[in-house]
PDB file of N, CA and C in Angstrom:
ATOM      1  N   MET A   1     -19.352  39.271 -21.869  1.00  0.00           N
ATOM      2  CA  MET A   1     -18.386  39.588 -20.945  1.00  0.00           C
ATOM      3  C   MET A   1     -17.667  38.231 -20.678  1.00  0.00           C
ATOM      4  N   ASN A   2     -16.394  38.124 -20.666  1.00  0.00           N
ATOM      5  CA  ASN A   2     -15.618  36.893 -20.445  1.00  0.00           C
ATOM      6  C   ASN A   2     -14.864  37.184 -19.235  1.00  0.00           C
ATOM      7  N   GLN A   3     -15.165  36.722 -17.986  1.00  0.00           N
ATOM      8  CA  GLN A   3     -14.418  36.873 -16.704  1.00  0.00           C
ATOM      9  C   GLN A   3     -13.907  35.329 -16.337  1.00  0.00           C
ATOM     10  N   LEU A   4     -12.657  35.463 -15.889  1.00  0.00           N
ATOM     11  CA  LEU A   4     -12.232  34.198 -15.351  1.00  0.00           C
ATOM     12  C   LEU A   4     -12.519  33.996 -13.968  1.00  0.00           C
ATOM     13  N   PHE A   5     -12.816  32.737 -13.576  1.00  0.00           N
ATOM     14  CA  PHE A   5     -13.036  32.448 -12.275  1.00  0.00           C
ATOM     15  C   PHE A   5     -11.780  32.298 -11.424  1.00  0.00           C
ATOM     16  N   GLN A   6     -11.669  33.247 -10.367  1.00  0.00           N
ATOM     17  CA  GLN A   6     -10.331  33.286  -9.734  1.00  0.00           C
ATOM     18  C   GLN A   6     -10.353  32.515  -8.610  1.00  0.00           C
ATOM     19  N   ILE A   7      -9.713  31.260  -8.575  1.00  0.00           N
ATOM     20  CA  ILE A   7      -9.724  30.318  -7.448  1.00  0.00           C
ATOM     21  C   ILE A   7      -8.666  31.044  -6.320  1.00  0.00           C
ATOM     22  N   ALA A   8      -7.880  31.886  -6.582  1.00  0.00           N
ATOM     23  CA  ALA A   8      -7.035  32.593  -5.629  1.00  0.00           C
ATOM     24  C   ALA A   8      -7.852  33.307  -4.702  1.00  0.00           C
ATOM     25  N   ASN A   9      -9.201  33.744  -5.207  1.00  0.00           N
ATOM     26  CA  ASN A   9     -10.040  34.460  -4.297  1.00  0.00           C
ATOM     27  C   ASN A   9     -10.452  33.539  -3.110  1.00  0.00           C
ATOM     28  N   PRO A  10     -10.282  33.814  -1.961  1.00  0.00           N
ATOM     29  CA  PRO A  10     -10.777  33.010  -0.769  1.00  0.00           C
ATOM     30  C   PRO A  10     -12.187  32.627  -0.949  1.00  0.00           C
ATOM     31  N   LYS A  11     -13.026  33.388  -1.260  1.00  0.00           N
ATOM     32  CA  LYS A  11     -14.468  33.105  -1.387  1.00  0.00           C
ATOM     33  C   LYS A  11     -14.658  32.104  -2.472  1.00  0.00           C
ATOM     34  N   HIS A  12     -13.984  32.058  -3.644  1.00  0.00           N
ATOM     35  CA  HIS A  12     -14.162  31.114  -4.677  1.00  0.00           C
ATOM     36  C   HIS A  12     -13.636  29.826  -4.222  1.00  0.00           C
ATOM     37  N   LYS A  13     -12.385  29.875  -3.534  1.00  0.00           N
ATOM     38  CA  LYS A  13     -11.820  28.635  -3.072  1.00  0.00           C
ATOM     39  C   LYS A  13     -12.592  27.931  -2.020  1.00  0.00           C
ATOM     40  N   GLN A  14     -13.204  28.672  -1.148  1.00  0.00           N
ATOM     41  CA  GLN A  14     -14.190  27.999  -0.073  1.00  0.00           C
ATOM     42  C   GLN A  14     -15.317  27.372  -0.748  1.00  0.00           C
ATOM     43  N   LEU A  15     -15.889  27.702  -1.867  1.00  0.00           N
ATOM     44  CA  LEU A  15     -16.967  27.110  -2.761  1.00  0.00           C
ATOM     45  C   LEU A  15     -16.609  25.673  -2.998  1.00  0.00           C
ATOM     46  N   PHE A  16     -15.388  25.373  -3.194  1.00  0.00           N
ATOM     47  CA  PHE A  16     -14.905  24.183  -3.730  1.00  0.00           C
ATOM     48  C   PHE A  16     -14.308  23.216  -2.519  1.00  0.00           C
ATOM     49  N   LEU A  17     -13.711  23.772  -1.643  1.00  0.00           N
ATOM     50  CA  LEU A  17     -12.795  23.126  -0.630  1.00  0.00           C
ATOM     51  C   LEU A  17     -13.439  23.119   0.648  1.00  0.00           C
ATOM     52  N   ASP A  18     -14.359  23.817   1.000  1.00  0.00           N
ATOM     53  CA  ASP A  18     -15.179  23.739   2.408  1.00  0.00           C
ATOM     54  C   ASP A  18     -16.569  23.289   2.159  1.00  0.00           C
ATOM     55  N   PHE A  19     -16.734  22.107   2.799  1.00  0.00           N
ATOM     56  CA  PHE A  19     -18.155  21.760   2.664  1.00  0.00           C
ATOM     57  C   PHE A  19     -18.311  20.647   3.977  1.00  0.00           C
ATOM     58  N   ASP A  20     -19.576  20.281   3.958  1.00  0.00           N
ATOM     59  CA  ASP A  20     -19.922  19.380   5.078  1.00  0.00           C
ATOM     60  C   ASP A  20     -20.596  18.214   4.577  1.00  0.00           C
ATOM     61  N   GLU A  21     -19.962  17.095   4.434  1.00  0.00           N
ATOM     62  CA  GLU A  21     -20.380  15.832   3.894  1.00  0.00           C
ATOM     63  C   GLU A  21     -20.370  14.845   4.909  1.00  0.00           C
ATOM     64  N   LYS A  22     -21.508  14.036   5.090  1.00  0.00           N
ATOM     65  CA  LYS A  22     -21.647  13.154   6.081  1.00  0.00           C
ATOM     66  C   LYS A  22     -21.113  11.728   5.462  1.00  0.00           C
ATOM     67  N   ILE A  23     -20.209  11.014   6.134  1.00  0.00           N
ATOM     68  CA  ILE A  23     -19.713   9.805   5.745  1.00  0.00           C
ATOM     69  C   ILE A  23     -20.309   8.721   6.768  1.00  0.00           C
ATOM     70  N   GLN A  24     -21.019   7.705   6.490  1.00  0.00           N
ATOM     71  CA  GLN A  24     -21.413   6.887   7.550  1.00  0.00           C
ATOM     72  C   GLN A  24     -20.719   5.338   7.129  1.00  0.00           C
ATOM     73  N   PHE A  25     -20.290   4.794   8.223  1.00  0.00           N
ATOM     74  CA  PHE A  25     -19.754   3.387   8.278  1.00  0.00           C
ATOM     75  C   PHE A  25     -19.925   2.742   9.552  1.00  0.00           C
ATOM     76  N   ASN A  26     -19.905   1.374   9.477  1.00  0.00           N
ATOM     77  CA  ASN A  26     -20.155   0.712  10.715  1.00  0.00           C
ATOM     78  C   ASN A  26     -18.859   0.685  11.676  1.00  0.00           C
ATOM     79  N   ALA A  27     -18.924   0.674  12.859  1.00  0.00           N
ATOM     80  CA  ALA A  27     -17.861   0.682  13.792  1.00  0.00           C
ATOM     81  C   ALA A  27     -17.121  -0.677  13.566  1.00  0.00           C
ATOM     82  N   SER A  28     -17.869  -1.744  13.322  1.00  0.00           N
ATOM     83  CA  SER A  28     -17.224  -3.025  13.027  1.00  0.00           C
ATOM     84  C   SER A  28     -16.242  -3.123  12.037  1.00  0.00           C
ATOM     85  N   GLU A  29     -16.387  -2.111  11.008  1.00  0.00           N
ATOM     86  CA  GLU A  29     -15.374  -2.103   9.897  1.00  0.00           C
ATOM     87  C   GLU A  29     -14.011  -1.627  10.375  1.00  0.00           C
ATOM     88  N   LEU A  30     -13.920  -0.865  11.498  1.00  0.00           N
ATOM     89  CA  LEU A  30     -12.714  -0.468  12.038  1.00  0.00           C
ATOM     90  C   LEU A  30     -12.180  -1.333  13.010  1.00  0.00           C
ATOM     91  N   GLY A  31     -12.976  -2.117  13.765  1.00  0.00           N
ATOM     92  CA  GLY A  31     -12.506  -2.934  14.744  1.00  0.00           C
ATOM     93  C   GLY A  31     -12.422  -2.330  16.160  1.00  0.00           C
ATOM     94  N   VAL A  32     -12.235  -3.054  17.334  1.00  0.00           N
ATOM     95  CA  VAL A  32     -12.115  -2.363  18.634  1.00  0.00           C
ATOM     96  C   VAL A  32     -10.704  -1.827  18.716  1.00  0.00           C
ATOM     97  N   GLY A  33     -10.742  -0.614  19.437  1.00  0.00           N
ATOM     98  CA  GLY A  33      -9.429   0.135  19.746  1.00  0.00           C
ATOM     99  C   GLY A  33      -9.645   1.675  19.266  1.00  0.00           C
ATOM    100  N   LYS A  34      -8.634   2.419  19.420  1.00  0.00           N
ATOM    101  CA  LYS A  34      -8.631   3.842  19.085  1.00  0.00           C
ATOM    102  C   LYS A  34      -8.320   3.965  17.666  1.00  0.00           C
ATOM    103  N   HIS A  35      -8.967   4.977  17.080  1.00  0.00           N
ATOM    104  CA  HIS A  35      -8.770   5.145  15.498  1.00  0.00           C
ATOM    105  C   HIS A  35      -8.900   6.709  15.241  1.00  0.00           C
ATOM    106  N   LYS A  36      -7.889   7.062  14.338  1.00  0.00           N
ATOM    107  CA  LYS A  36      -7.881   8.498  13.971  1.00  0.00           C
ATOM    108  C   LYS A  36      -8.673   8.467  12.679  1.00  0.00           C
ATOM    109  N   ILE A  37      -9.519   9.569  12.345  1.00  0.00           N
ATOM    110  CA  ILE A  37     -10.267   9.602  11.157  1.00  0.00           C
ATOM    111  C   ILE A  37     -10.223  10.931  10.631  1.00  0.00           C
ATOM    112  N   GLY A  38      -9.897  11.116   9.386  1.00  0.00           N
ATOM    113  CA  GLY A  38      -9.761  12.395   8.639  1.00  0.00           C
ATOM    114  C   GLY A  38     -10.313  12.207   7.247  1.00  0.00           C
ATOM    115  N   ALA A  39     -10.274  13.381   6.574  1.00  0.00           N
ATOM    116  CA  ALA A  39     -10.751  13.223   5.182  1.00  0.00           C
ATOM    117  C   ALA A  39      -9.813  14.109   4.240  1.00  0.00           C
ATOM    118  N   GLU A  40      -9.626  13.756   2.948  1.00  0.00           N
ATOM    119  CA  GLU A  40      -8.978  14.409   1.944  1.00  0.00           C
ATOM    120  C   GLU A  40      -9.853  14.674   0.938  1.00  0.00           C
ATOM    121  N   VAL A  41      -9.704  16.008   0.380  1.00  0.00           N
ATOM    122  CA  VAL A  41     -10.440  16.454  -0.846  1.00  0.00           C
ATOM    123  C   VAL A  41      -9.450  16.812  -1.848  1.00  0.00           C
ATOM    124  N   TYR A  42      -9.663  16.345  -3.078  1.00  0.00           N
ATOM    125  CA  TYR A  42      -8.910  16.821  -4.107  1.00  0.00           C
ATOM    126  C   TYR A  42      -9.726  17.276  -5.271  1.00  0.00           C
ATOM    127  N   VAL A  43      -9.579  18.400  -5.842  1.00  0.00           N
ATOM    128  CA  VAL A  43     -10.304  19.101  -6.910  1.00  0.00           C
ATOM    129  C   VAL A  43      -9.407  19.592  -7.998  1.00  0.00           C
ATOM    130  N   SER A  44      -9.695  19.388  -9.284  1.00  0.00           N
ATOM    131  CA  SER A  44      -8.973  19.821 -10.406  1.00  0.00           C
ATOM    132  C   SER A  44      -9.747  19.870 -11.681  1.00  0.00           C
ATOM    133  N   TRP A  45      -9.342  20.694 -12.521  1.00  0.00           N
ATOM    134  CA  TRP A  45      -9.810  20.999 -13.887  1.00  0.00           C
ATOM    135  C   TRP A  45      -8.749  21.561 -14.803  1.00  0.00           C
ATOM    136  N   TYR A  46      -8.949  21.380 -15.991  1.00  0.00           N
ATOM    137  CA  TYR A  46      -8.148  21.961 -17.156  1.00  0.00           C
ATOM    138  C   TYR A  46      -8.512  23.275 -17.498  1.00  0.00           C
ATOM    139  N   LYS A  47      -7.883  24.061 -18.120  1.00  0.00           N
ATOM    140  CA  LYS A  47      -8.177  25.492 -18.486  1.00  0.00           C
ATOM    141  C   LYS A  47      -9.318  25.465 -19.299  1.00  0.00           C
ATOM    142  N   HIS A  48     -10.250  26.538 -19.031  1.00  0.00           N
ATOM    143  CA  HIS A  48     -11.461  26.626 -19.822  1.00  0.00           C
ATOM    144  C   HIS A  48     -11.580  28.189 -20.148  1.00  0.00           C
ATOM    145  N   ASP A  49     -12.586  28.442 -20.944  1.00  0.00           N
ATOM    146  CA  ASP A  49     -12.709  29.951 -21.256  1.00  0.00           C
ATOM    147  C   ASP A  49     -12.965  30.804 -19.971  1.00  0.00           C
ATOM    148  N   TYR A  50     -13.502  30.173 -18.825  1.00  0.00           N
ATOM    149  CA  TYR A  50     -13.969  30.889 -17.850  1.00  0.00           C
ATOM    150  C   TYR A  50     -13.123  30.590 -16.564  1.00  0.00           C
ATOM    151  N   ALA A  51     -12.109  29.670 -16.738  1.00  0.00           N
ATOM    152  CA  ALA A  51     -11.295  29.316 -15.479  1.00  0.00           C
ATOM    153  C   ALA A  51      -9.910  29.019 -16.013  1.00  0.00           C
ATOM    154  N   ASP A  52      -8.848  29.337 -15.115  1.00  0.00           N
ATOM    155  CA  ASP A  52      -7.551  28.786 -15.454  1.00  0.00           C
ATOM    156  C   ASP A  52      -7.341  27.344 -14.967  1.00  0.00           C
ATOM    157  N   GLN A  53      -6.541  26.696 -15.344  1.00  0.00           N
ATOM    158  CA  GLN A  53      -6.209  25.395 -14.897  1.00  0.00           C
ATOM    159  C   GLN A  53      -6.009  25.311 -13.388  1.00  0.00           C
ATOM    160  N   PHE A  54      -6.335  24.376 -12.717  1.00  0.00           N
ATOM    161  CA  PHE A  54      -6.245  24.322 -11.290  1.00  0.00           C
ATOM    162  C   PHE A  54      -6.240  22.962 -10.703  1.00  0.00           C
ATOM    163  N   ASP A  55      -5.534  22.640  -9.589  1.00  0.00           N
ATOM    164  CA  ASP A  55      -5.649  21.548  -8.688  1.00  0.00           C
ATOM    165  C   ASP A  55      -5.202  21.929  -7.427  1.00  0.00           C
ATOM    166  N   GLU A  56      -5.814  21.191  -6.295  1.00  0.00           N
ATOM    167  CA  GLU A  56      -5.696  21.508  -5.076  1.00  0.00           C
ATOM    168  C   GLU A  56      -6.048  20.390  -4.207  1.00  0.00           C
ATOM    169  N   THR A  57      -5.452  20.165  -3.009  1.00  0.00           N
ATOM    170  CA  THR A  57      -5.779  19.079  -2.070  1.00  0.00           C
ATOM    171  C   THR A  57      -6.087  19.830  -0.790  1.00  0.00           C
ATOM    172  N   ALA A  58      -7.093  19.481   0.034  1.00  0.00           N
ATOM    173  CA  ALA A  58      -7.324  19.921   1.328  1.00  0.00           C
ATOM    174  C   ALA A  58      -7.520  18.775   2.257  1.00  0.00           C
ATOM    175  N   HIS A  59      -7.097  18.955   3.468  1.00  0.00           N
ATOM    176  CA  HIS A  59      -7.342  17.917   4.527  1.00  0.00           C
ATOM    177  C   HIS A  59      -8.193  18.410   5.605  1.00  0.00           C
ATOM    178  N   SER A  60      -9.007  17.585   6.200  1.00  0.00           N
ATOM    179  CA  SER A  60      -9.696  17.930   7.457  1.00  0.00           C
ATOM    180  C   SER A  60      -8.864  17.757   8.711  1.00  0.00           C
ATOM    181  N   LYS A  61      -9.390  18.283   9.764  1.00  0.00           N
ATOM    182  CA  LYS A  61      -8.625  17.948  11.135  1.00  0.00           C
ATOM    183  C   LYS A  61      -9.120  16.517  11.330  1.00  0.00           C
ATOM    184  N   GLU A  62      -8.050  15.782  11.939  1.00  0.00           N
ATOM    185  CA  GLU A  62      -8.487  14.392  12.256  1.00  0.00           C
ATOM    186  C   GLU A  62      -9.034  14.406  13.795  1.00  0.00           C
ATOM    187  N   ILE A  63     -10.033  13.400  13.840  1.00  0.00           N
ATOM    188  CA  ILE A  63     -10.517  13.087  15.147  1.00  0.00           C
ATOM    189  C   ILE A  63     -10.176  11.806  15.598  1.00  0.00           C
ATOM    190  N   GLU A  64     -10.285  11.429  16.874  1.00  0.00           N
ATOM    191  CA  GLU A  64      -9.906  10.248  17.393  1.00  0.00           C
ATOM    192  C   GLU A  64     -11.157   9.549  18.018  1.00  0.00           C
ATOM    193  N   ILE A  65     -11.462   8.349  17.594  1.00  0.00           N
ATOM    194  CA  ILE A  65     -12.580   7.653  18.206  1.00  0.00           C
ATOM    195  C   ILE A  65     -12.091   6.426  18.850  1.00  0.00           C
ATOM    196  N   GLU A  66     -12.925   5.917  19.771  1.00  0.00           N
ATOM    197  CA  GLU A  66     -12.589   4.647  20.267  1.00  0.00           C
ATOM    198  C   GLU A  66     -13.779   3.632  20.093  1.00  0.00           C
ATOM    199  N   VAL A  67     -13.545   2.471  19.552  1.00  0.00           N
ATOM    200  CA  VAL A  67     -14.622   1.538  19.493  1.00  0.00           C
ATOM    201  C   VAL A  67     -14.411   0.423  20.515  1.00  0.00           C
ATOM    202  N   THR A  68     -15.355   0.309  21.274  1.00  0.00           N
ATOM    203  CA  THR A  68     -15.512  -0.786  22.302  1.00  0.00           C
ATOM    204  C   THR A  68     -16.355  -1.914  21.909  1.00  0.00           C
ATOM    205  N   LYS A  69     -16.087  -3.110  22.570  1.00  0.00           N
ATOM    206  CA  LYS A  69     -16.959  -4.214  22.325  1.00  0.00           C
ATOM    207  C   LYS A  69     -18.109  -4.158  23.076  1.00  0.00           C
TER     208      LYS A  69
END
């Protein structure tokens, strides 16, 4: 059976673009002050027997942090 992976399906799209990844860095890398932090995810692939060509970018919600001395 040859079925295409349908990225238009919200459940399939969620598999690739909704995830929880921890990113660690030192506050000293940012410096003192208020900073907005967000993330961007980009996924793409060429057409295969099981999937159509696809590319998409998703953005997280930004958060604001304050680094004090």
